[in-house]
Amino acid sequence: MSRLDLHIEPGERVLLLGASGAGKSTLMHALAGVLGDAEDGDETGSLLIDGRRAAEARGRVGLVLQDPDSQVVLARVGDDVAFGCENLAVPRAEIWPRVRRALAEVGLDLPLDHPTSRLSGGQKQRLALAGVLAMQPGLLLLDEPTANLDPAGVIDVRDAVVRSLDQSGATFVVIEHRVEVWQDIVDRVIVLDAAGGVLADGATREILSSQAERLAQAGVWVPALPPRFPTRHPIGHPQTLLRAEALAVGRVPFGRRTASVIADAITLDVRAGTATVLTGPNGAGKSTLALTLAGLLAPAGGALRASDGFAAGINPQPHRWRSKQLLTRIGTVFQDPEHQFLAATVRDDLLIGPRALGLSPAEQTSRVDELMRRLRLDHLADANPFTLSGGEKRRMSVATVLATRPRLLVLDEPTFGQDSRTWQELLILLAELLDEGIALIAVTHDAQFVSALADEEYRLGLPDPITLATGAL
């Protein structure tokens, strides 16, 4: 982020847009006064909040980060929401009514003593927002606050934010790739240029209509110009790789607690060349089911077996496979991309899998260079993975799995943080792999992803989280 010159008036509601990696999250961290000091990088110019340096105005600013995991501080839901208020020295008698009100506003209907370790990614997003709303900040900053939420949750969170803003009159800046969620709520759109500075700035309707083509070319999701879906060429008579029969999946045990079953009676076939998507509300067990199908969690009940051709002489139960046996069979992209980063640079991280397979140096380089090019990571080859933007981290986590060319891909929220260009390029790559016979399981709330790629959809629901809908789309 560089050459940026902006003035935001008190009470304005701003939608901050730009291509993946343009510096949107960096600007949000700067506004919140948490960007770091001279040891963390170079800084020029000035940034003032109410006439003061941002670091001196932290009590006036509430920030919801792109990664909700990084904002979970305490072990219980109620304590976590109260944490910010306590740090602002809000009177105790006022804190808990604020906590309960904020949890109700964001639709997180859980006991105050519910363990934060047992929340889904979407529930953590709601928790982080509740903590910030309870602080009643004068400047509210949200970095992709609805990215991992189910469709109903997106509306709940947006409406909760609007109610809070209407009551407080706070200034509001939100980053969201999916413009349609906020376009009727904000009065101004600012688009950052990936090369530095501002690409567009003005009234919402004017910017989105008069500059639609220009913004779309820069990767902005313009509602009037949706991205094109890739062309699919399904294979005939696809081979079954995995079969789940009356499968039950359970929560990961917490301390000494007994794991509880959260989804059961699931029956499905995972077939070569087909895309199976898992959808449903937050907390329904989608990620846990995906990890079970990937062989990373043991089933809580029922049966999950690999076909003879897929197992190729080893134990047919995927959860008993060793890491090297999984390497070319099943590749998993976790909901949090940072859980997959192991090396100091992007290139070295992508090379880990090919090296473990014993590929020649030439083949290792060829695979990694091609993936970095296709996923717009080549200019970041020597960067530390943890310094990438959220969208770049997601594409890198996908690349680490593709580098070993497994026959089954299990992807949890694969399109998180993507602009319209990187979204389309990622889907084109996945469509090509499906046409080559790779199987895909994806957990997603992205309706366009489902429309573009899904052959079968399994919708998990609460409180009876079994398969609600299946079949070719």
Protein backbone atom coordinates (compact mmCIF):
# COMPACT_ATOMS: atom_id res chain seq x y z
CA MET A 1 0.00 0.00 0.00
CA SER A 2 1.46 3.37 -1.05
CA ARG A 3 0.64 6.87 -2.33
CA LEU A 4 -2.71 6.85 -0.54
CA ASP A 5 -4.48 10.14 0.15
CA LEU A 6 -7.92 9.90 1.78
CA HIS A 7 -10.23 11.87 4.05
CA ILE A 8 -13.20 10.09 5.65
CA GLU A 9 -15.80 12.26 7.37
CA PRO A 10 -17.36 11.36 10.74
CA GLY A 11 -20.40 9.12 10.27
CA GLU A 12 -19.55 8.09 6.69
CA ARG A 13 -20.16 4.49 5.66
CA VAL A 14 -17.45 3.30 3.29
CA LEU A 15 -17.02 0.09 1.28
CA LEU A 16 -13.31 -0.52 0.64
CA LEU A 17 -12.63 -2.53 -2.51
CA GLY A 18 -9.64 -3.63 -4.56
CA ALA A 19 -7.88 -6.63 -6.03
CA SER A 20 -6.52 -9.37 -3.78
CA GLY A 21 -3.23 -8.06 -2.36
CA ALA A 22 -3.99 -4.38 -3.06
CA GLY A 23 -3.46 -3.44 0.60
CA LYS A 24 -7.02 -3.28 1.95
CA SER A 25 -6.28 -5.20 5.15
CA THR A 26 -3.06 -3.25 5.64
CA LEU A 27 -5.04 0.00 5.54
CA MET A 28 -7.52 -1.37 8.08
CA HIS A 29 -4.69 -2.33 10.44
CA ALA A 30 -3.24 1.16 10.03
CA LEU A 31 -6.60 2.81 10.83
CA ALA A 32 -6.88 0.63 13.94
CA GLY A 33 -3.37 1.58 15.08
CA VAL A 34 -2.14 -2.02 15.09
CA LEU A 35 0.04 -2.02 11.98
CA GLY A 36 3.27 -2.20 13.98
CA ASP A 37 6.27 0.07 14.45
CA ALA A 38 9.51 0.89 12.63
CA GLU A 39 10.82 -2.63 13.23
CA ASP A 40 7.93 -4.10 11.21
CA GLY A 41 8.47 -2.05 8.04
CA ASP A 42 8.79 1.40 6.53
CA GLU A 43 6.14 4.08 6.91
CA THR A 44 5.79 7.45 5.19
CA GLY A 45 3.15 10.14 5.47
CA SER A 46 0.65 10.46 8.32
CA LEU A 47 -2.60 8.84 9.42
CA LEU A 48 -4.85 10.61 11.95
CA ILE A 49 -8.01 9.54 13.77
CA ASP A 50 -9.88 12.49 15.32
CA GLY A 51 -6.71 14.51 14.83
CA ARG A 52 -4.53 12.02 16.72
CA ARG A 53 -2.13 9.31 15.61
CA ALA A 54 -4.00 6.07 15.09
CA ALA A 55 -2.06 4.31 17.86
CA GLU A 56 -3.30 6.93 20.32
CA ALA A 57 -6.96 6.50 19.33
CA ARG A 58 -7.30 2.74 19.80
CA GLY A 59 -10.12 3.08 22.33
CA ARG A 60 -12.21 4.82 19.65
CA VAL A 61 -11.69 2.09 17.03
CA GLY A 62 -13.13 -1.42 16.79
CA LEU A 63 -11.60 -3.85 14.28
CA VAL A 64 -12.85 -7.26 13.16
CA LEU A 65 -9.93 -9.01 11.51
CA GLN A 66 -10.00 -11.10 8.35
CA ASP A 67 -9.03 -14.19 10.37
CA PRO A 68 -11.53 -14.59 13.26
CA ASP A 69 -9.27 -17.17 14.95
CA SER A 70 -6.77 -14.41 15.68
CA GLN A 71 -9.37 -12.50 17.73
CA VAL A 72 -10.50 -15.32 20.01
CA VAL A 73 -8.83 -14.49 23.31
CA LEU A 74 -10.63 -16.26 26.14
CA ALA A 75 -11.99 -19.75 26.69
CA ARG A 76 -15.68 -18.89 27.09
CA VAL A 77 -17.98 -17.01 24.74
CA GLY A 78 -19.23 -14.46 27.27
CA ASP A 79 -15.76 -13.67 28.62
CA ASP A 80 -14.43 -13.21 25.09
CA VAL A 81 -17.12 -10.66 24.19
CA ALA A 82 -16.56 -8.85 27.50
CA PHE A 83 -12.79 -8.64 27.01
CA GLY A 84 -12.76 -5.43 24.97
CA CYS A 85 -15.19 -3.67 27.32
CA GLU A 86 -13.06 -4.62 30.30
CA ASN A 87 -9.98 -3.16 28.64
CA LEU A 88 -11.89 0.09 28.06
CA ALA A 89 -12.82 0.16 31.77
CA VAL A 90 -16.55 -0.02 31.07
CA PRO A 91 -18.37 -0.29 34.45
CA ARG A 92 -19.02 -3.94 35.35
CA ALA A 93 -22.76 -3.37 35.71
CA GLU A 94 -22.85 -2.20 32.10
CA ILE A 95 -20.59 -4.87 30.58
CA TRP A 96 -22.83 -7.93 30.78
CA PRO A 97 -25.96 -6.28 29.37
CA ARG A 98 -23.74 -5.14 26.46
CA VAL A 99 -22.40 -8.69 26.05
CA ARG A 100 -25.85 -10.28 25.93
CA ARG A 101 -27.16 -7.60 23.57
CA ALA A 102 -24.19 -7.97 21.20
CA LEU A 103 -24.50 -11.76 21.07
CA ALA A 104 -28.22 -11.45 20.31
CA GLU A 105 -27.55 -8.86 17.60
CA VAL A 106 -25.12 -11.11 15.70
CA GLY A 107 -27.29 -14.22 16.14
CA LEU A 108 -24.85 -16.24 18.24
CA ASP A 109 -27.39 -18.06 20.40
CA LEU A 110 -25.07 -19.88 22.78
CA PRO A 111 -24.62 -19.98 26.58
CA LEU A 112 -22.13 -17.47 27.95
CA ASP A 113 -19.96 -20.32 29.21
CA HIS A 114 -19.87 -22.13 25.85
CA PRO A 115 -16.22 -23.01 24.97
CA THR A 116 -14.81 -20.82 22.21
CA SER A 117 -12.70 -23.81 21.11
CA ARG A 118 -15.87 -25.54 19.95
CA LEU A 119 -17.04 -22.80 17.59
CA SER A 120 -17.04 -23.16 13.83
CA GLY A 121 -15.24 -20.61 11.67
CA GLY A 122 -18.49 -18.77 10.96
CA GLN A 123 -19.43 -18.72 14.63
CA LYS A 124 -16.02 -17.24 15.44
CA GLN A 125 -16.74 -14.46 12.95
CA ARG A 126 -19.97 -13.68 14.78
CA LEU A 127 -18.13 -13.80 18.11
CA ALA A 128 -15.47 -11.35 16.92
CA LEU A 129 -18.14 -8.94 15.68
CA ALA A 130 -20.07 -9.21 18.95
CA GLY A 131 -16.93 -8.29 20.90
CA VAL A 132 -16.42 -5.19 18.81
CA LEU A 133 -20.07 -4.09 18.87
CA ALA A 134 -20.09 -4.42 22.65
CA MET A 135 -17.25 -1.86 22.78
CA GLN A 136 -19.46 0.70 21.00
CA PRO A 137 -16.57 2.20 18.98
CA GLY A 138 -16.67 5.54 17.18
CA LEU A 139 -14.98 3.96 14.14
CA LEU A 140 -16.03 0.44 13.17
CA LEU A 141 -13.69 -1.46 10.83
CA LEU A 142 -14.74 -4.83 9.38
CA ASP A 143 -12.42 -6.95 7.24
CA GLU A 144 -14.55 -9.44 5.26
CA PRO A 145 -16.93 -10.01 8.18
CA THR A 146 -19.26 -12.38 6.28
CA ALA A 147 -16.72 -14.46 4.33
CA ASN A 148 -17.36 -17.75 6.19
CA LEU A 149 -21.03 -17.24 7.00
CA ASP A 150 -24.01 -19.08 5.59
CA PRO A 151 -26.43 -16.92 3.54
CA ALA A 152 -28.80 -16.34 6.44
CA GLY A 153 -25.85 -15.45 8.66
CA VAL A 154 -24.64 -12.85 6.14
CA ILE A 155 -27.96 -11.01 6.39
CA ASP A 156 -28.04 -11.36 10.20
CA VAL A 157 -24.56 -9.86 10.57
CA ARG A 158 -25.15 -7.08 8.06
CA ASP A 159 -28.41 -6.10 9.74
CA ALA A 160 -26.76 -6.20 13.17
CA VAL A 161 -24.09 -3.80 11.94
CA VAL A 162 -26.69 -1.46 10.46
CA ARG A 163 -28.68 -1.39 13.72
CA SER A 164 -25.52 -0.59 15.65
CA LEU A 165 -24.53 2.19 13.24
CA ASP A 166 -28.02 3.69 13.26
CA GLN A 167 -27.92 3.83 17.04
CA SER A 168 -24.32 5.04 17.49
CA GLY A 169 -23.70 7.15 14.39
CA ALA A 170 -20.22 5.62 14.18
CA THR A 171 -18.00 5.94 11.14
CA PHE A 172 -17.88 2.67 9.23
CA VAL A 173 -15.35 1.08 6.84
CA VAL A 174 -15.89 -2.47 5.55
CA ILE A 175 -13.86 -4.69 3.22
CA GLU A 176 -15.98 -7.19 1.33
CA HIS A 177 -15.32 -8.68 -2.09
CA ARG A 178 -19.02 -9.45 -2.59
CA VAL A 179 -20.27 -5.92 -3.19
CA GLU A 180 -23.97 -6.74 -3.23
CA VAL A 181 -24.00 -7.42 0.54
CA TRP A 182 -23.16 -3.81 1.46
CA GLN A 183 -23.92 -1.67 -1.61
CA ASP A 184 -27.28 -0.47 -0.24
CA ILE A 185 -25.81 0.20 3.22
CA VAL A 186 -22.78 2.34 2.41
CA ASP A 187 -22.75 5.81 0.87
CA ARG A 188 -19.21 5.76 -0.49
CA VAL A 189 -16.95 3.31 -2.33
CA ILE A 190 -13.15 3.55 -2.28
CA VAL A 191 -11.23 1.24 -4.61
CA LEU A 192 -7.51 0.74 -3.95
CA ASP A 193 -5.19 0.34 -6.92
CA ALA A 194 -2.87 -2.67 -6.70
CA ALA A 195 -0.10 -0.44 -8.08
CA GLY A 196 -0.63 2.13 -5.32
CA GLY A 197 -3.03 4.97 -4.65
CA VAL A 198 -6.77 5.07 -5.30
CA LEU A 199 -8.36 3.62 -8.43
CA ALA A 200 -11.83 5.05 -7.78
CA ASP A 201 -13.58 7.02 -5.03
CA GLY A 202 -17.11 8.36 -4.90
CA ALA A 203 -20.79 7.76 -4.26
CA THR A 204 -21.68 4.07 -4.30
CA ARG A 205 -24.18 3.99 -7.17
CA GLU A 206 -22.14 6.33 -9.35
CA ILE A 207 -18.89 4.36 -8.97
CA LEU A 208 -20.49 0.96 -9.51
CA SER A 209 -22.36 2.08 -12.62
CA SER A 210 -20.11 4.58 -14.39
CA GLN A 211 -16.87 2.64 -13.79
CA ALA A 212 -18.19 -0.93 -13.85
CA GLU A 213 -16.03 -2.20 -16.72
CA ARG A 214 -12.85 -0.61 -15.34
CA LEU A 215 -13.45 -2.01 -11.87
CA ALA A 216 -14.25 -5.50 -13.18
CA GLN A 217 -10.98 -5.54 -15.11
CA ALA A 218 -9.20 -4.71 -11.84
CA GLY A 219 -10.79 -7.71 -10.10
CA VAL A 220 -13.64 -5.95 -8.30
CA TRP A 221 -16.86 -7.94 -7.93
CA VAL A 222 -19.28 -5.68 -9.81
CA PRO A 223 -22.85 -7.00 -9.33
CA ALA A 224 -23.84 -6.06 -12.89
CA LEU A 225 -20.84 -7.94 -14.36
CA PRO A 226 -20.59 -11.38 -12.74
CA PRO A 227 -17.57 -13.55 -13.63
CA ARG A 228 -17.92 -16.25 -16.25
CA PHE A 229 -18.20 -19.86 -15.17
CA PRO A 230 -15.64 -22.34 -16.52
CA THR A 231 -16.70 -24.93 -19.08
CA ARG A 232 -16.93 -28.48 -17.75
CA HIS A 233 -16.38 -31.72 -19.68
CA PRO A 234 -17.55 -34.48 -17.32
CA ILE A 235 -16.03 -37.92 -17.70
CA GLY A 236 -18.30 -40.88 -18.43
CA HIS A 237 -18.90 -43.64 -15.85
CA PRO A 238 -16.73 -42.12 -13.10
CA GLN A 239 -14.95 -44.50 -10.74
CA THR A 240 -15.94 -44.43 -7.07
CA LEU A 241 -13.00 -43.48 -4.82
CA LEU A 242 -14.72 -43.31 -1.41
CA ARG A 243 -18.00 -44.63 -0.12
CA ALA A 244 -19.62 -43.42 3.09
CA GLU A 245 -22.52 -45.42 4.52
CA ALA A 246 -24.56 -44.10 7.47
CA LEU A 247 -21.47 -42.08 8.37
CA ALA A 248 -21.46 -40.20 11.67
CA VAL A 249 -19.00 -37.47 12.54
CA GLY A 250 -18.30 -36.01 15.96
CA ARG A 251 -16.80 -32.93 17.51
CA VAL A 252 -13.10 -32.99 18.22
CA PRO A 253 -12.77 -33.80 21.97
CA PHE A 254 -12.12 -30.76 24.18
CA GLY A 255 -9.93 -31.56 27.17
CA ARG A 256 -11.48 -34.56 28.89
CA ARG A 257 -14.92 -34.01 27.47
CA THR A 258 -16.50 -36.79 25.44
CA ALA A 259 -16.87 -35.98 21.76
CA SER A 260 -20.51 -35.60 20.71
CA VAL A 261 -21.96 -36.64 17.37
CA ILE A 262 -22.93 -33.59 15.30
CA ALA A 263 -23.85 -35.20 11.97
CA ASP A 264 -24.94 -38.75 11.23
CA ALA A 265 -26.64 -41.07 8.75
CA ILE A 266 -24.69 -39.52 5.89
CA THR A 267 -24.40 -41.73 2.82
CA LEU A 268 -22.51 -40.62 -0.26
CA ASP A 269 -20.10 -41.72 -2.97
CA VAL A 270 -17.08 -39.66 -3.95
CA ARG A 271 -16.37 -40.28 -7.63
CA ALA A 272 -13.48 -39.41 -9.90
CA GLY A 273 -14.07 -36.34 -12.05
CA THR A 274 -16.95 -35.06 -9.94
CA ALA A 275 -17.33 -32.16 -7.52
CA THR A 276 -19.24 -32.78 -4.29
CA VAL A 277 -20.09 -29.72 -2.23
CA LEU A 278 -21.10 -29.60 1.44
CA THR A 279 -23.34 -26.68 2.35
CA GLY A 280 -25.48 -25.66 5.30
CA PRO A 281 -25.54 -23.32 8.29
CA ASN A 282 -22.52 -22.55 10.45
CA GLY A 283 -21.97 -25.19 13.10
CA ALA A 284 -23.74 -27.97 11.17
CA GLY A 285 -20.57 -30.05 10.94
CA LYS A 286 -19.46 -29.37 7.36
CA SER A 287 -15.76 -28.91 8.15
CA THR A 288 -15.75 -31.90 10.48
CA LEU A 289 -17.39 -34.06 7.82
CA ALA A 290 -14.81 -32.87 5.28
CA LEU A 291 -11.92 -33.73 7.61
CA THR A 292 -13.45 -37.17 8.19
CA LEU A 293 -13.82 -37.81 4.45
CA ALA A 294 -10.19 -36.66 4.05
CA GLY A 295 -8.97 -39.33 6.46
CA LEU A 296 -7.85 -36.81 9.10
CA LEU A 297 -10.54 -37.72 11.64
CA ALA A 298 -11.88 -41.15 12.52
CA PRO A 299 -15.63 -41.60 11.88
CA ALA A 300 -17.81 -41.47 14.98
CA GLY A 301 -19.97 -44.21 13.49
CA GLY A 302 -20.97 -45.88 10.26
CA ALA A 303 -18.45 -46.78 7.57
CA LEU A 304 -16.04 -44.91 5.29
CA ARG A 305 -14.04 -47.04 2.90
CA ALA A 306 -11.83 -46.41 -0.10
CA SER A 307 -12.31 -48.47 -3.24
CA ASP A 308 -9.74 -51.13 -4.06
CA GLY A 309 -8.34 -49.01 -6.88
CA PHE A 310 -8.02 -45.92 -4.68
CA ALA A 311 -6.54 -47.74 -1.66
CA ALA A 312 -4.18 -49.65 -3.98
CA GLY A 313 -3.20 -52.37 -1.52
CA ILE A 314 -3.30 -50.46 1.76
CA ASN A 315 -5.92 -50.35 4.53
CA PRO A 316 -9.25 -49.24 2.96
CA GLN A 317 -10.04 -46.95 5.93
CA PRO A 318 -8.58 -43.49 5.11
CA HIS A 319 -8.14 -42.43 8.74
CA ARG A 320 -5.60 -45.24 9.14
CA TRP A 321 -3.43 -43.99 6.26
CA ARG A 322 -0.06 -42.50 7.04
CA SER A 323 0.84 -39.03 5.82
CA LYS A 324 2.91 -40.35 2.90
CA GLN A 325 0.03 -42.63 1.87
CA LEU A 326 -2.31 -39.65 1.91
CA LEU A 327 0.09 -37.48 -0.08
CA THR A 328 -0.90 -38.65 -3.57
CA ARG A 329 -4.39 -39.85 -2.63
CA ILE A 330 -6.08 -37.06 -0.63
CA GLY A 331 -5.01 -33.44 -0.33
CA THR A 332 -6.77 -31.21 2.21
CA VAL A 333 -7.03 -27.42 2.33
CA PHE A 334 -8.05 -26.32 5.83
CA GLN A 335 -10.45 -23.49 6.60
CA ASP A 336 -7.54 -21.54 8.12
CA PRO A 337 -4.78 -21.43 5.47
CA GLU A 338 -2.05 -20.63 8.02
CA HIS A 339 -2.45 -24.13 9.46
CA GLN A 340 -0.66 -25.39 6.34
CA PHE A 341 2.36 -23.08 6.26
CA LEU A 342 5.66 -24.75 7.19
CA ALA A 343 8.49 -22.92 5.42
CA ALA A 344 9.92 -19.40 5.43
CA THR A 345 9.06 -18.61 1.81
CA VAL A 346 6.19 -19.35 -0.54
CA ARG A 347 8.41 -21.29 -2.94
CA ASP A 348 9.97 -23.45 -0.21
CA ASP A 349 6.55 -24.24 1.22
CA LEU A 350 5.23 -25.38 -2.16
CA LEU A 351 8.32 -27.56 -2.65
CA ILE A 352 7.75 -29.59 0.55
CA GLY A 353 5.27 -32.02 -1.01
CA PRO A 354 7.14 -32.66 -4.27
CA ARG A 355 10.37 -33.21 -2.30
CA ALA A 356 8.63 -35.72 -0.03
CA LEU A 357 7.56 -37.63 -3.16
CA GLY A 358 11.20 -37.85 -4.28
CA LEU A 359 10.60 -36.02 -7.55
CA SER A 360 13.57 -34.79 -9.55
CA PRO A 361 14.64 -31.17 -8.94
CA ALA A 362 13.52 -30.27 -12.47
CA GLU A 363 10.04 -31.73 -11.90
CA GLN A 364 9.75 -30.02 -8.50
CA THR A 365 10.60 -26.65 -10.03
CA SER A 366 8.28 -27.17 -12.99
CA ARG A 367 5.28 -28.01 -10.80
CA VAL A 368 5.82 -25.18 -8.34
CA ASP A 369 6.50 -22.52 -10.98
CA GLU A 370 3.37 -23.47 -12.90
CA LEU A 371 1.18 -23.34 -9.80
CA MET A 372 2.57 -19.97 -8.73
CA ARG A 373 1.91 -18.60 -12.20
CA ARG A 374 -1.64 -19.96 -12.43
CA LEU A 375 -2.55 -18.71 -8.95
CA ARG A 376 -0.87 -15.27 -9.20
CA LEU A 377 1.76 -16.09 -6.59
CA ASP A 378 4.91 -15.89 -8.72
CA HIS A 379 5.75 -12.36 -7.58
CA LEU A 380 5.54 -13.62 -3.99
CA ALA A 381 7.89 -16.60 -4.39
CA ASP A 382 10.39 -15.29 -1.82
CA ALA A 383 7.83 -13.78 0.58
CA ASN A 384 7.06 -15.18 4.01
CA PRO A 385 3.65 -16.93 3.74
CA PHE A 386 2.40 -15.25 6.92
CA THR A 387 2.85 -11.79 5.37
CA LEU A 388 0.47 -12.46 2.45
CA SER A 389 -3.04 -11.07 2.21
CA GLY A 390 -5.95 -13.31 3.15
CA GLY A 391 -6.78 -14.09 -0.48
CA GLU A 392 -3.13 -14.81 -1.30
CA LYS A 393 -2.87 -17.14 1.70
CA ARG A 394 -5.92 -19.05 0.48
CA ARG A 395 -4.51 -19.49 -3.03
CA MET A 396 -1.17 -20.57 -1.58
CA SER A 397 -2.83 -23.19 0.65
CA VAL A 398 -4.55 -24.59 -2.45
CA ALA A 399 -1.21 -24.62 -4.31
CA THR A 400 0.53 -26.59 -1.53
CA VAL A 401 -2.00 -29.39 -1.99
CA LEU A 402 -2.02 -29.33 -5.80
CA ALA A 403 1.76 -29.64 -5.87
CA THR A 404 1.53 -33.36 -5.00
CA ARG A 405 -1.30 -34.00 -7.50
CA PRO A 406 -3.58 -36.07 -5.24
CA ARG A 407 -6.54 -37.91 -6.75
CA LEU A 408 -9.00 -36.36 -4.28
CA LEU A 409 -9.04 -32.71 -3.20
CA VAL A 410 -10.85 -31.69 0.00
CA LEU A 411 -11.18 -27.89 0.13
CA ASP A 412 -12.72 -25.92 3.00
CA GLU A 413 -13.95 -22.49 1.80
CA PRO A 414 -11.62 -22.49 -1.25
CA THR A 415 -12.78 -19.11 -2.60
CA PHE A 416 -12.40 -17.10 0.61
CA GLY A 417 -10.85 -13.66 0.03
CA GLN A 418 -10.74 -13.86 -3.77
CA ASP A 419 -11.39 -10.98 -6.12
CA SER A 420 -13.39 -11.70 -9.27
CA ARG A 421 -10.28 -12.43 -11.38
CA THR A 422 -8.57 -14.79 -8.93
CA TRP A 423 -11.93 -16.47 -8.22
CA GLN A 424 -12.46 -17.17 -11.90
CA GLU A 425 -8.86 -18.34 -12.44
CA LEU A 426 -9.09 -20.68 -9.45
CA LEU A 427 -12.33 -22.20 -10.72
CA ILE A 428 -10.89 -22.67 -14.21
CA LEU A 429 -7.97 -24.58 -12.68
CA LEU A 430 -10.28 -26.76 -10.58
CA ALA A 431 -12.52 -27.45 -13.61
CA GLU A 432 -9.47 -28.59 -15.58
CA LEU A 433 -8.49 -30.97 -12.76
CA LEU A 434 -12.03 -32.37 -12.62
CA ASP A 435 -11.93 -32.98 -16.38
CA GLU A 436 -8.66 -34.89 -15.84
CA GLY A 437 -10.42 -37.21 -13.36
CA ILE A 438 -9.55 -35.58 -10.04
CA ALA A 439 -12.35 -35.78 -7.46
CA LEU A 440 -13.29 -32.71 -5.41
CA ILE A 441 -15.06 -32.25 -2.07
CA ALA A 442 -15.65 -28.61 -1.12
CA VAL A 443 -17.15 -26.97 1.95
CA THR A 444 -18.55 -23.64 0.82
CA HIS A 445 -21.08 -20.87 1.33
CA ASP A 446 -20.26 -19.51 -2.12
CA ALA A 447 -23.43 -19.98 -4.19
CA GLN A 448 -21.62 -19.09 -7.41
CA PHE A 449 -18.99 -21.78 -6.71
CA VAL A 450 -21.82 -24.30 -6.29
CA SER A 451 -23.48 -23.22 -9.52
CA ALA A 452 -20.21 -23.30 -11.45
CA LEU A 453 -18.70 -26.60 -10.34
CA ALA A 454 -20.96 -28.79 -8.21
CA ASP A 455 -22.16 -32.13 -9.53
CA GLU A 456 -23.72 -33.07 -6.18
CA GLU A 457 -24.71 -30.96 -3.21
CA TYR A 458 -25.13 -32.31 0.32
CA ARG A 459 -26.83 -29.78 2.57
CA LEU A 460 -26.31 -30.32 6.26
CA GLY A 461 -28.77 -28.72 8.67
CA LEU A 462 -29.42 -28.16 12.36
CA PRO A 463 -30.76 -29.43 14.68
CA ASP A 464 -31.05 -32.61 12.59
CA PRO A 465 -27.80 -32.47 10.59
CA ILE A 466 -28.32 -35.14 7.96
CA THR A 467 -28.24 -34.97 4.20
CA LEU A 468 -31.11 -32.79 3.01
CA ALA A 469 -30.44 -32.60 -0.71
CA THR A 470 -28.35 -34.62 -3.13
CA GLY A 471 -28.11 -35.15 -6.83
CA ALA A 472 -26.60 -33.59 -9.90
CA LEU A 473 -27.17 -29.85 -10.16
